[in-house]
Amino acid sequence: MNWINLTSAEQLNEIKAAIGHSIIFKHSTRCSISMMAKKRFELDGKLFDENITPLYFLDLIKYRDLSTKVAQMFNVHHESPQLLLIKNGKCILDQSHSSISAEEAVESIQ
């Protein structure tokens, strides 16, 4: 899986303005539940065509302020771990903890 590290507000603006789908995976490197959700998601990562759906990875420990901006920009409650599926600038799927499902995200894209 080729994650795009989400490190700036400019990237968030690009995601918001993009036509089509993007995924943001918010991850806490200090949380075992977050680590487990990330590994499970990555095992199913082959379901995604990364050329069509960019996969953004947000390290919540390093970029706490950016996580707050994600919540505000896409009108979602902050969770960790959290997967957001963005379509044409709007969050259409918000999953957290054990509810994170690559399969459900892919079904929402199709």
PDB file of N, CA and C in Angstrom:
ATOM      1  N   MET A   1       0.854  -1.171   0.000  1.00  0.00           N
ATOM      2  CA  MET A   1       0.000   0.000   0.000  1.00  0.00           C
ATOM      3  C   MET A   1       0.899   1.233   0.000  1.00  0.00           C
ATOM      4  N   ASN A   2       0.609   2.149  -0.911  1.00  0.00           N
ATOM      5  CA  ASN A   2       1.404   3.366  -1.039  1.00  0.00           C
ATOM      6  C   ASN A   2       0.657   4.543  -0.423  1.00  0.00           C
ATOM      7  N   TRP A   3       0.924   4.768   0.856  1.00  0.00           N
ATOM      8  CA  TRP A   3       0.296   5.881   1.548  1.00  0.00           C
ATOM      9  C   TRP A   3       0.900   7.200   1.082  1.00  0.00           C
ATOM     10  N   ILE A   4       0.072   8.229   1.013  1.00  0.00           N
ATOM     11  CA  ILE A   4       0.529   9.598   0.815  1.00  0.00           C
ATOM     12  C   ILE A   4       0.466  10.246   2.196  1.00  0.00           C
ATOM     13  N   ASN A   5       1.613  10.649   2.721  1.00  0.00           N
ATOM     14  CA  ASN A   5       1.619  11.266   4.045  1.00  0.00           C
ATOM     15  C   ASN A   5       0.915  12.612   3.995  1.00  0.00           C
ATOM     16  N   LEU A   6      -0.076  12.762   4.851  1.00  0.00           N
ATOM     17  CA  LEU A   6      -0.833  14.008   4.957  1.00  0.00           C
ATOM     18  C   LEU A   6      -0.156  14.861   6.024  1.00  0.00           C
ATOM     19  N   THR A   7       0.466  15.956   5.566  1.00  0.00           N
ATOM     20  CA  THR A   7       1.295  16.751   6.468  1.00  0.00           C
ATOM     21  C   THR A   7       0.997  18.248   6.425  1.00  0.00           C
ATOM     22  N   SER A   8       0.063  18.667   5.555  1.00  0.00           N
ATOM     23  CA  SER A   8      -0.159  20.109   5.426  1.00  0.00           C
ATOM     24  C   SER A   8      -1.617  20.458   5.153  1.00  0.00           C
ATOM     25  N   ALA A   9      -1.965  21.673   5.518  1.00  0.00           N
ATOM     26  CA  ALA A   9      -3.309  22.189   5.236  1.00  0.00           C
ATOM     27  C   ALA A   9      -3.524  22.333   3.730  1.00  0.00           C
ATOM     28  N   GLU A  10      -2.452  22.575   2.979  1.00  0.00           N
ATOM     29  CA  GLU A  10      -2.562  22.691   1.523  1.00  0.00           C
ATOM     30  C   GLU A  10      -3.056  21.376   0.923  1.00  0.00           C
ATOM     31  N   GLN A  11      -2.552  20.255   1.443  1.00  0.00           N
ATOM     32  CA  GLN A  11      -3.016  18.958   0.967  1.00  0.00           C
ATOM     33  C   GLN A  11      -4.500  18.771   1.269  1.00  0.00           C
ATOM     34  N   LEU A  12      -4.923  19.199   2.451  1.00  0.00           N
ATOM     35  CA  LEU A  12      -6.348  19.108   2.798  1.00  0.00           C
ATOM     36  C   LEU A  12      -7.195  19.907   1.828  1.00  0.00           C
ATOM     37  N   ASN A  13      -6.734  21.091   1.467  1.00  0.00           N
ATOM     38  CA  ASN A  13      -7.464  21.909   0.501  1.00  0.00           C
ATOM     39  C   ASN A  13      -7.538  21.218  -0.856  1.00  0.00           C
ATOM     40  N   GLU A  14      -6.462  20.530  -1.247  1.00  0.00           N
ATOM     41  CA  GLU A  14      -6.456  19.784  -2.506  1.00  0.00           C
ATOM     42  C   GLU A  14      -7.462  18.626  -2.455  1.00  0.00           C
ATOM     43  N   ILE A  15      -7.515  17.932  -1.328  1.00  0.00           N
ATOM     44  CA  ILE A  15      -8.478  16.833  -1.170  1.00  0.00           C
ATOM     45  C   ILE A  15      -9.900  17.385  -1.255  1.00  0.00           C
ATOM     46  N   LYS A  16     -10.130  18.498  -0.584  1.00  0.00           N
ATOM     47  CA  LYS A  16     -11.461  19.130  -0.579  1.00  0.00           C
ATOM     48  C   LYS A  16     -11.879  19.543  -1.994  1.00  0.00           C
ATOM     49  N   ALA A  17     -10.931  19.998  -2.803  1.00  0.00           N
ATOM     50  CA  ALA A  17     -11.228  20.490  -4.151  1.00  0.00           C
ATOM     51  C   ALA A  17     -11.229  19.387  -5.210  1.00  0.00           C
ATOM     52  N   ALA A  18     -10.724  18.210  -4.861  1.00  0.00           N
ATOM     53  CA  ALA A  18     -10.570  17.139  -5.855  1.00  0.00           C
ATOM     54  C   ALA A  18     -11.908  16.580  -6.311  1.00  0.00           C
ATOM     55  N   ILE A  19     -11.955  16.238  -7.587  1.00  0.00           N
ATOM     56  CA  ILE A  19     -13.100  15.528  -8.152  1.00  0.00           C
ATOM     57  C   ILE A  19     -12.836  14.034  -7.955  1.00  0.00           C
ATOM     58  N   GLY A  20     -13.833  13.307  -7.528  1.00  0.00           N
ATOM     59  CA  GLY A  20     -13.660  11.873  -7.293  1.00  0.00           C
ATOM     60  C   GLY A  20     -13.456  11.573  -5.825  1.00  0.00           C
ATOM     61  N   HIS A  21     -12.864  10.421  -5.552  1.00  0.00           N
ATOM     62  CA  HIS A  21     -12.715   9.905  -4.187  1.00  0.00           C
ATOM     63  C   HIS A  21     -11.294  10.036  -3.667  1.00  0.00           C
ATOM     64  N   SER A  22     -11.177  10.211  -2.371  1.00  0.00           N
ATOM     65  CA  SER A  22      -9.909  10.149  -1.636  1.00  0.00           C
ATOM     66  C   SER A  22     -10.208   9.498  -0.290  1.00  0.00           C
ATOM     67  N   ILE A  23      -9.204   8.847   0.256  1.00  0.00           N
ATOM     68  CA  ILE A  23      -9.331   8.255   1.589  1.00  0.00           C
ATOM     69  C   ILE A  23      -8.319   8.908   2.508  1.00  0.00           C
ATOM     70  N   ILE A  24      -8.777   9.238   3.711  1.00  0.00           N
ATOM     71  CA  ILE A  24      -7.891   9.727   4.767  1.00  0.00           C
ATOM     72  C   ILE A  24      -7.954   8.706   5.903  1.00  0.00           C
ATOM     73  N   PHE A  25      -6.797   8.185   6.277  1.00  0.00           N
ATOM     74  CA  PHE A  25      -6.709   7.269   7.407  1.00  0.00           C
ATOM     75  C   PHE A  25      -5.963   7.981   8.518  1.00  0.00           C
ATOM     76  N   LYS A  26      -6.659   8.240   9.621  1.00  0.00           N
ATOM     77  CA  LYS A  26      -6.067   8.919  10.780  1.00  0.00           C
ATOM     78  C   LYS A  26      -5.614   7.853  11.773  1.00  0.00           C
ATOM     79  N   HIS A  27      -4.341   7.949  12.170  1.00  0.00           N
ATOM     80  CA  HIS A  27      -3.714   6.893  12.956  1.00  0.00           C
ATOM     81  C   HIS A  27      -2.899   7.457  14.112  1.00  0.00           C
ATOM     82  N   SER A  28      -3.082   6.869  15.281  1.00  0.00           N
ATOM     83  CA  SER A  28      -2.261   7.210  16.435  1.00  0.00           C
ATOM     84  C   SER A  28      -1.183   6.150  16.597  1.00  0.00           C
ATOM     85  N   THR A  29       0.066   6.574  16.494  1.00  0.00           N
ATOM     86  CA  THR A  29       1.186   5.630  16.613  1.00  0.00           C
ATOM     87  C   THR A  29       1.370   5.129  18.044  1.00  0.00           C
ATOM     88  N   ARG A  30       0.635   5.690  18.993  1.00  0.00           N
ATOM     89  CA  ARG A  30       0.742   5.274  20.396  1.00  0.00           C
ATOM     90  C   ARG A  30      -0.391   4.348  20.834  1.00  0.00           C
ATOM     91  N   CYS A  31      -1.266   3.985  19.901  1.00  0.00           N
ATOM     92  CA  CYS A  31      -2.466   3.230  20.265  1.00  0.00           C
ATOM     93  C   CYS A  31      -2.465   1.857  19.608  1.00  0.00           C
ATOM     94  N   SER A  32      -2.581   0.809  20.414  1.00  0.00           N
ATOM     95  CA  SER A  32      -2.571  -0.553  19.867  1.00  0.00           C
ATOM     96  C   SER A  32      -3.822  -0.832  19.029  1.00  0.00           C
ATOM     97  N   ILE A  33      -4.949  -0.255  19.391  1.00  0.00           N
ATOM     98  CA  ILE A  33      -6.173  -0.436  18.596  1.00  0.00           C
ATOM     99  C   ILE A  33      -5.990   0.196  17.217  1.00  0.00           C
ATOM    100  N   SER A  34      -5.385   1.367  17.190  1.00  0.00           N
ATOM    101  CA  SER A  34      -5.126   2.049  15.933  1.00  0.00           C
ATOM    102  C   SER A  34      -4.170   1.222  15.068  1.00  0.00           C
ATOM    103  N   MET A  35      -3.146   0.660  15.674  1.00  0.00           N
ATOM    104  CA  MET A  35      -2.185  -0.175  14.946  1.00  0.00           C
ATOM    105  C   MET A  35      -2.877  -1.391  14.337  1.00  0.00           C
ATOM    106  N   MET A  36      -3.761  -2.022  15.108  1.00  0.00           N
ATOM    107  CA  MET A  36      -4.479  -3.186  14.620  1.00  0.00           C
ATOM    108  C   MET A  36      -5.403  -2.812  13.449  1.00  0.00           C
ATOM    109  N   ALA A  37      -6.112  -1.696  13.556  1.00  0.00           N
ATOM    110  CA  ALA A  37      -7.010  -1.258  12.481  1.00  0.00           C
ATOM    111  C   ALA A  37      -6.220  -0.942  11.214  1.00  0.00           C
ATOM    112  N   LYS A  38      -5.069  -0.334  11.368  1.00  0.00           N
ATOM    113  CA  LYS A  38      -4.222  -0.008  10.215  1.00  0.00           C
ATOM    114  C   LYS A  38      -3.736  -1.281   9.528  1.00  0.00           C
ATOM    115  N   LYS A  39      -3.254  -2.233  10.288  1.00  0.00           N
ATOM    116  CA  LYS A  39      -2.778  -3.492   9.708  1.00  0.00           C
ATOM    117  C   LYS A  39      -3.897  -4.225   8.978  1.00  0.00           C
ATOM    118  N   ARG A  40      -5.072  -4.273   9.589  1.00  0.00           N
ATOM    119  CA  ARG A  40      -6.210  -4.938   8.948  1.00  0.00           C
ATOM    120  C   ARG A  40      -6.593  -4.234   7.648  1.00  0.00           C
ATOM    121  N   PHE A  41      -6.592  -2.897   7.675  1.00  0.00           N
ATOM    122  CA  PHE A  41      -6.916  -2.132   6.478  1.00  0.00           C
ATOM    123  C   PHE A  41      -5.875  -2.384   5.392  1.00  0.00           C
ATOM    124  N   GLU A  42      -4.606  -2.406   5.765  1.00  0.00           N
ATOM    125  CA  GLU A  42      -3.544  -2.623   4.789  1.00  0.00           C
ATOM    126  C   GLU A  42      -3.604  -4.018   4.163  1.00  0.00           C
ATOM    127  N   LEU A  43      -4.043  -5.004   4.930  1.00  0.00           N
ATOM    128  CA  LEU A  43      -4.190  -6.354   4.367  1.00  0.00           C
ATOM    129  C   LEU A  43      -5.203  -6.372   3.220  1.00  0.00           C
ATOM    130  N   ASP A  44      -6.219  -5.526   3.307  1.00  0.00           N
ATOM    131  CA  ASP A  44      -7.235  -5.439   2.258  1.00  0.00           C
ATOM    132  C   ASP A  44      -6.948  -4.307   1.269  1.00  0.00           C
ATOM    133  N   GLY A  45      -5.791  -3.680   1.395  1.00  0.00           N
ATOM    134  CA  GLY A  45      -5.446  -2.539   0.560  1.00  0.00           C
ATOM    135  C   GLY A  45      -5.411  -2.831  -0.919  1.00  0.00           C
ATOM    136  N   LYS A  46      -5.199  -4.089  -1.276  1.00  0.00           N
ATOM    137  CA  LYS A  46      -5.159  -4.463  -2.688  1.00  0.00           C
ATOM    138  C   LYS A  46      -6.512  -4.256  -3.368  1.00  0.00           C
ATOM    139  N   LEU A  47      -7.568  -4.053  -2.591  1.00  0.00           N
ATOM    140  CA  LEU A  47      -8.892  -3.810  -3.158  1.00  0.00           C
ATOM    141  C   LEU A  47      -8.979  -2.447  -3.841  1.00  0.00           C
ATOM    142  N   PHE A  48      -8.054  -1.540  -3.488  1.00  0.00           N
ATOM    143  CA  PHE A  48      -8.094  -0.169  -4.004  1.00  0.00           C
ATOM    144  C   PHE A  48      -7.206  -0.017  -5.229  1.00  0.00           C
ATOM    145  N   ASP A  49      -7.674   0.758  -6.178  1.00  0.00           N
ATOM    146  CA  ASP A  49      -6.833   1.191  -7.280  1.00  0.00           C
ATOM    147  C   ASP A  49      -6.262   2.544  -6.869  1.00  0.00           C
ATOM    148  N   GLU A  50      -5.026   2.537  -6.397  1.00  0.00           N
ATOM    149  CA  GLU A  50      -4.405   3.747  -5.858  1.00  0.00           C
ATOM    150  C   GLU A  50      -4.198   4.820  -6.924  1.00  0.00           C
ATOM    151  N   ASN A  51      -4.272   4.443  -8.201  1.00  0.00           N
ATOM    152  CA  ASN A  51      -4.179   5.426  -9.285  1.00  0.00           C
ATOM    153  C   ASN A  51      -5.471   6.226  -9.406  1.00  0.00           C
ATOM    154  N   ILE A  52      -6.555   5.666  -8.893  1.00  0.00           N
ATOM    155  CA  ILE A  52      -7.863   6.320  -8.961  1.00  0.00           C
ATOM    156  C   ILE A  52      -8.241   6.930  -7.612  1.00  0.00           C
ATOM    157  N   THR A  53      -7.970   6.206  -6.524  1.00  0.00           N
ATOM    158  CA  THR A  53      -8.331   6.664  -5.185  1.00  0.00           C
ATOM    159  C   THR A  53      -7.076   6.875  -4.352  1.00  0.00           C
ATOM    160  N   PRO A  54      -6.652   8.125  -4.171  1.00  0.00           N
ATOM    161  CA  PRO A  54      -5.474   8.381  -3.332  1.00  0.00           C
ATOM    162  C   PRO A  54      -5.745   7.997  -1.879  1.00  0.00           C
ATOM    163  N   LEU A  55      -4.739   7.411  -1.238  1.00  0.00           N
ATOM    164  CA  LEU A  55      -4.836   6.968   0.152  1.00  0.00           C
ATOM    165  C   LEU A  55      -3.912   7.823   1.014  1.00  0.00           C
ATOM    166  N   TYR A  56      -4.504   8.711   1.804  1.00  0.00           N
ATOM    167  CA  TYR A  56      -3.737   9.627   2.650  1.00  0.00           C
ATOM    168  C   TYR A  56      -3.628   9.072   4.055  1.00  0.00           C
ATOM    169  N   PHE A  57      -2.449   9.211   4.634  1.00  0.00           N
ATOM    170  CA  PHE A  57      -2.163   8.737   5.984  1.00  0.00           C
ATOM    171  C   PHE A  57      -1.821   9.927   6.869  1.00  0.00           C
ATOM    172  N   LEU A  58      -2.566  10.083   7.956  1.00  0.00           N
ATOM    173  CA  LEU A  58      -2.336  11.188   8.891  1.00  0.00           C
ATOM    174  C   LEU A  58      -1.871  10.638  10.235  1.00  0.00           C
ATOM    175  N   ASP A  59      -0.629  10.945  10.593  1.00  0.00           N
ATOM    176  CA  ASP A  59      -0.059  10.585  11.882  1.00  0.00           C
ATOM    177  C   ASP A  59      -0.559  11.611  12.905  1.00  0.00           C
ATOM    178  N   LEU A  60      -1.470  11.176  13.750  1.00  0.00           N
ATOM    179  CA  LEU A  60      -2.108  12.097  14.698  1.00  0.00           C
ATOM    180  C   LEU A  60      -1.161  12.641  15.761  1.00  0.00           C
ATOM    181  N   ILE A  61      -0.129  11.914  16.055  1.00  0.00           N
ATOM    182  CA  ILE A  61       0.812  12.378  17.073  1.00  0.00           C
ATOM    183  C   ILE A  61       1.641  13.545  16.524  1.00  0.00           C
ATOM    184  N   LYS A  62       2.109  13.417  15.305  1.00  0.00           N
ATOM    185  CA  LYS A  62       2.927  14.473  14.700  1.00  0.00           C
ATOM    186  C   LYS A  62       2.098  15.662  14.225  1.00  0.00           C
ATOM    187  N   TYR A  63       0.857  15.397  13.799  1.00  0.00           N
ATOM    188  CA  TYR A  63       0.057  16.439  13.146  1.00  0.00           C
ATOM    189  C   TYR A  63      -1.314  16.599  13.802  1.00  0.00           C
ATOM    190  N   ARG A  64      -1.321  16.815  15.107  1.00  0.00           N
ATOM    191  CA  ARG A  64      -2.557  16.964  15.887  1.00  0.00           C
ATOM    192  C   ARG A  64      -3.420  18.112  15.351  1.00  0.00           C
ATOM    193  N   ASP A  65      -2.796  19.259  15.047  1.00  0.00           N
ATOM    194  CA  ASP A  65      -3.550  20.408  14.539  1.00  0.00           C
ATOM    195  C   ASP A  65      -4.207  20.103  13.197  1.00  0.00           C
ATOM    196  N   LEU A  66      -3.522  19.330  12.372  1.00  0.00           N
ATOM    197  CA  LEU A  66      -4.076  18.961  11.070  1.00  0.00           C
ATOM    198  C   LEU A  66      -5.281  18.037  11.240  1.00  0.00           C
ATOM    199  N   SER A  67      -5.237  17.188  12.233  1.00  0.00           N
ATOM    200  CA  SER A  67      -6.377  16.317  12.519  1.00  0.00           C
ATOM    201  C   SER A  67      -7.608  17.140  12.894  1.00  0.00           C
ATOM    202  N   THR A  68      -7.392  18.198  13.657  1.00  0.00           N
ATOM    203  CA  THR A  68      -8.492  19.098  14.023  1.00  0.00           C
ATOM    204  C   THR A  68      -9.070  19.759  12.777  1.00  0.00           C
ATOM    205  N   LYS A  69      -8.205  20.147  11.848  1.00  0.00           N
ATOM    206  CA  LYS A  69      -8.668  20.762  10.597  1.00  0.00           C
ATOM    207  C   LYS A  69      -9.463  19.775   9.753  1.00  0.00           C
ATOM    208  N   VAL A  70      -9.055  18.517   9.760  1.00  0.00           N
ATOM    209  CA  VAL A  70      -9.802  17.478   9.030  1.00  0.00           C
ATOM    210  C   VAL A  70     -11.222  17.400   9.578  1.00  0.00           C
ATOM    211  N   ALA A  71     -11.339  17.342  10.900  1.00  0.00           N
ATOM    212  CA  ALA A  71     -12.663  17.251  11.531  1.00  0.00           C
ATOM    213  C   ALA A  71     -13.534  18.445  11.164  1.00  0.00           C
ATOM    214  N   GLN A  72     -12.955  19.627  11.192  1.00  0.00           N
ATOM    215  CA  GLN A  72     -13.712  20.843  10.865  1.00  0.00           C
ATOM    216  C   GLN A  72     -14.079  20.892   9.380  1.00  0.00           C
ATOM    217  N   MET A  73     -13.112  20.626   8.523  1.00  0.00           N
ATOM    218  CA  MET A  73     -13.317  20.751   7.086  1.00  0.00           C
ATOM    219  C   MET A  73     -14.360  19.772   6.564  1.00  0.00           C
ATOM    220  N   PHE A  74     -14.358  18.539   7.104  1.00  0.00           N
ATOM    221  CA  PHE A  74     -15.259  17.511   6.600  1.00  0.00           C
ATOM    222  C   PHE A  74     -16.429  17.232   7.539  1.00  0.00           C
ATOM    223  N   ASN A  75     -16.568  18.082   8.556  1.00  0.00           N
ATOM    224  CA  ASN A  75     -17.707  18.023   9.467  1.00  0.00           C
ATOM    225  C   ASN A  75     -17.891  16.633  10.075  1.00  0.00           C
ATOM    226  N   VAL A  76     -16.797  16.122  10.666  1.00  0.00           N
ATOM    227  CA  VAL A  76     -16.835  14.818  11.328  1.00  0.00           C
ATOM    228  C   VAL A  76     -16.290  14.977  12.745  1.00  0.00           C
ATOM    229  N   HIS A  77     -16.687  14.083  13.609  1.00  0.00           N
ATOM    230  CA  HIS A  77     -16.168  14.037  14.973  1.00  0.00           C
ATOM    231  C   HIS A  77     -14.793  13.370  14.930  1.00  0.00           C
ATOM    232  N   HIS A  78     -13.822  13.914  15.644  1.00  0.00           N
ATOM    233  CA  HIS A  78     -12.480  13.331  15.687  1.00  0.00           C
ATOM    234  C   HIS A  78     -12.511  11.965  16.361  1.00  0.00           C
ATOM    235  N   GLU A  79     -11.919  10.989  15.690  1.00  0.00           N
ATOM    236  CA  GLU A  79     -11.753   9.640  16.246  1.00  0.00           C
ATOM    237  C   GLU A  79     -10.328   9.196  15.936  1.00  0.00           C
ATOM    238  N   SER A  80      -9.892   8.172  16.620  1.00  0.00           N
ATOM    239  CA  SER A  80      -8.597   7.570  16.336  1.00  0.00           C
ATOM    240  C   SER A  80      -8.639   6.104  16.757  1.00  0.00           C
ATOM    241  N   PRO A  81      -8.433   5.224  15.801  1.00  0.00           N
ATOM    242  CA  PRO A  81      -8.206   5.437  14.381  1.00  0.00           C
ATOM    243  C   PRO A  81      -9.508   5.816  13.677  1.00  0.00           C
ATOM    244  N   GLN A  82      -9.351   6.379  12.478  1.00  0.00           N
ATOM    245  CA  GLN A  82     -10.533   6.812  11.729  1.00  0.00           C
ATOM    246  C   GLN A  82     -10.229   6.753  10.237  1.00  0.00           C
ATOM    247  N   LEU A  83     -11.203   6.286   9.481  1.00  0.00           N
ATOM    248  CA  LEU A  83     -11.118   6.294   8.028  1.00  0.00           C
ATOM    249  C   LEU A  83     -12.229   7.183   7.496  1.00  0.00           C
ATOM    250  N   LEU A  84     -11.848   8.111   6.623  1.00  0.00           N
ATOM    251  CA  LEU A  84     -12.814   8.991   5.981  1.00  0.00           C
ATOM    252  C   LEU A  84     -12.735   8.775   4.481  1.00  0.00           C
ATOM    253  N   LEU A  85     -13.870   8.560   3.863  1.00  0.00           N
ATOM    254  CA  LEU A  85     -13.945   8.488   2.410  1.00  0.00           C
ATOM    255  C   LEU A  85     -14.536   9.807   1.940  1.00  0.00           C
ATOM    256  N   ILE A  86     -13.754  10.526   1.153  1.00  0.00           N
ATOM    257  CA  ILE A  86     -14.149  11.844   0.657  1.00  0.00           C
ATOM    258  C   ILE A  86     -14.521  11.710  -0.812  1.00  0.00           C
ATOM    259  N   LYS A  87     -15.660  12.266  -1.181  1.00  0.00           N
ATOM    260  CA  LYS A  87     -16.086  12.289  -2.587  1.00  0.00           C
ATOM    261  C   LYS A  87     -16.463  13.716  -2.936  1.00  0.00           C
ATOM    262  N   ASN A  88     -15.782  14.256  -3.947  1.00  0.00           N
ATOM    263  CA  ASN A  88     -16.065  15.608  -4.425  1.00  0.00           C
ATOM    264  C   ASN A  88     -16.133  16.621  -3.276  1.00  0.00           C
ATOM    265  N   GLY A  89     -15.196  16.496  -2.336  1.00  0.00           N
ATOM    266  CA  GLY A  89     -15.077  17.464  -1.258  1.00  0.00           C
ATOM    267  C   GLY A  89     -15.939  17.226  -0.041  1.00  0.00           C
ATOM    268  N   LYS A  90     -16.711  16.141  -0.030  1.00  0.00           N
ATOM    269  CA  LYS A  90     -17.578  15.850   1.120  1.00  0.00           C
ATOM    270  C   LYS A  90     -17.268  14.454   1.663  1.00  0.00           C
ATOM    271  N   CYS A  91     -17.347  14.322   2.972  1.00  0.00           N
ATOM    272  CA  CYS A  91     -17.144  13.014   3.594  1.00  0.00           C
ATOM    273  C   CYS A  91     -18.420  12.194   3.426  1.00  0.00           C
ATOM    274  N   ILE A  92     -18.292  11.050   2.734  1.00  0.00           N
ATOM    275  CA  ILE A  92     -19.465  10.203   2.508  1.00  0.00           C
ATOM    276  C   ILE A  92     -19.428   8.925   3.343  1.00  0.00           C
ATOM    277  N   LEU A  93     -18.272   8.672   4.008  1.00  0.00           N
ATOM    278  CA  LEU A  93     -18.148   7.495   4.863  1.00  0.00           C
ATOM    279  C   LEU A  93     -17.174   7.829   5.980  1.00  0.00           C
ATOM    280  N   ASP A  94     -17.586   7.581   7.201  1.00  0.00           N
ATOM    281  CA  ASP A  94     -16.784   7.872   8.388  1.00  0.00           C
ATOM    282  C   ASP A  94     -16.779   6.611   9.247  1.00  0.00           C
ATOM    283  N   GLN A  95     -15.626   5.963   9.348  1.00  0.00           N
ATOM    284  CA  GLN A  95     -15.511   4.733  10.135  1.00  0.00           C
ATOM    285  C   GLN A  95     -14.445   4.922  11.206  1.00  0.00           C
ATOM    286  N   SER A  96     -14.622   4.255  12.331  1.00  0.00           N
ATOM    287  CA  SER A  96     -13.598   4.327  13.368  1.00  0.00           C
ATOM    288  C   SER A  96     -13.446   2.987  14.073  1.00  0.00           C
ATOM    289  N   HIS A  97     -12.301   2.835  14.702  1.00  0.00           N
ATOM    290  CA  HIS A  97     -11.958   1.665  15.502  1.00  0.00           C
ATOM    291  C   HIS A  97     -12.205   0.367  14.734  1.00  0.00           C
ATOM    292  N   SER A  98     -12.912  -0.581  15.313  1.00  0.00           N
ATOM    293  CA  SER A  98     -13.107  -1.882  14.660  1.00  0.00           C
ATOM    294  C   SER A  98     -14.110  -1.825  13.511  1.00  0.00           C
ATOM    295  N   SER A  99     -14.745  -0.690  13.317  1.00  0.00           N
ATOM    296  CA  SER A  99     -15.689  -0.543  12.195  1.00  0.00           C
ATOM    297  C   SER A  99     -14.986  -0.186  10.890  1.00  0.00           C
ATOM    298  N   ILE A 100     -13.674   0.051  10.933  1.00  0.00           N
ATOM    299  CA  ILE A 100     -12.947   0.393   9.711  1.00  0.00           C
ATOM    300  C   ILE A 100     -12.925  -0.821   8.794  1.00  0.00           C
ATOM    301  N   SER A 101     -13.434  -0.630   7.590  1.00  0.00           N
ATOM    302  CA  SER A 101     -13.550  -1.724   6.634  1.00  0.00           C
ATOM    303  C   SER A 101     -13.161  -1.255   5.232  1.00  0.00           C
ATOM    304  N   ALA A 102     -12.080  -1.831   4.715  1.00  0.00           N
ATOM    305  CA  ALA A 102     -11.668  -1.520   3.348  1.00  0.00           C
ATOM    306  C   ALA A 102     -12.753  -1.962   2.368  1.00  0.00           C
ATOM    307  N   GLU A 103     -13.361  -3.104   2.633  1.00  0.00           N
ATOM    308  CA  GLU A 103     -14.407  -3.614   1.733  1.00  0.00           C
ATOM    309  C   GLU A 103     -15.578  -2.634   1.632  1.00  0.00           C
ATOM    310  N   GLU A 104     -16.035  -2.111   2.759  1.00  0.00           N
ATOM    311  CA  GLU A 104     -17.143  -1.160   2.743  1.00  0.00           C
ATOM    312  C   GLU A 104     -16.756   0.127   2.023  1.00  0.00           C
ATOM    313  N   ALA A 105     -15.520   0.566   2.219  1.00  0.00           N
ATOM    314  CA  ALA A 105     -15.047   1.763   1.528  1.00  0.00           C
ATOM    315  C   ALA A 105     -15.045   1.546   0.021  1.00  0.00           C
ATOM    316  N   VAL A 106     -14.549   0.387  -0.417  1.00  0.00           N
ATOM    317  CA  VAL A 106     -14.515   0.081  -1.850  1.00  0.00           C
ATOM    318  C   VAL A 106     -15.937   0.014  -2.405  1.00  0.00           C
ATOM    319  N   GLU A 107     -16.859  -0.610  -1.677  1.00  0.00           N
ATOM    320  CA  GLU A 107     -18.260  -0.679  -2.129  1.00  0.00           C
ATOM    321  C   GLU A 107     -18.854   0.717  -2.265  1.00  0.00           C
ATOM    322  N   SER A 108     -18.475   1.637  -1.399  1.00  0.00           N
ATOM    323  CA  SER A 108     -18.976   3.001  -1.466  1.00  0.00           C
ATOM    324  C   SER A 108     -18.420   3.766  -2.666  1.00  0.00           C
ATOM    325  N   ILE A 109     -17.258   3.339  -3.138  1.00  0.00           N
ATOM    326  CA  ILE A 109     -16.643   3.986  -4.293  1.00  0.00           C
ATOM    327  C   ILE A 109     -17.312   3.538  -5.580  1.00  0.00           C
ATOM    328  N   GLN A 110     -17.708   2.286  -5.634  1.00  0.00           N
ATOM    329  CA  GLN A 110     -18.251   1.717  -6.883  1.00  0.00           C
ATOM    330  C   GLN A 110     -19.670   2.145  -7.139  1.00  0.00           C
TER     331      GLN A 110
END
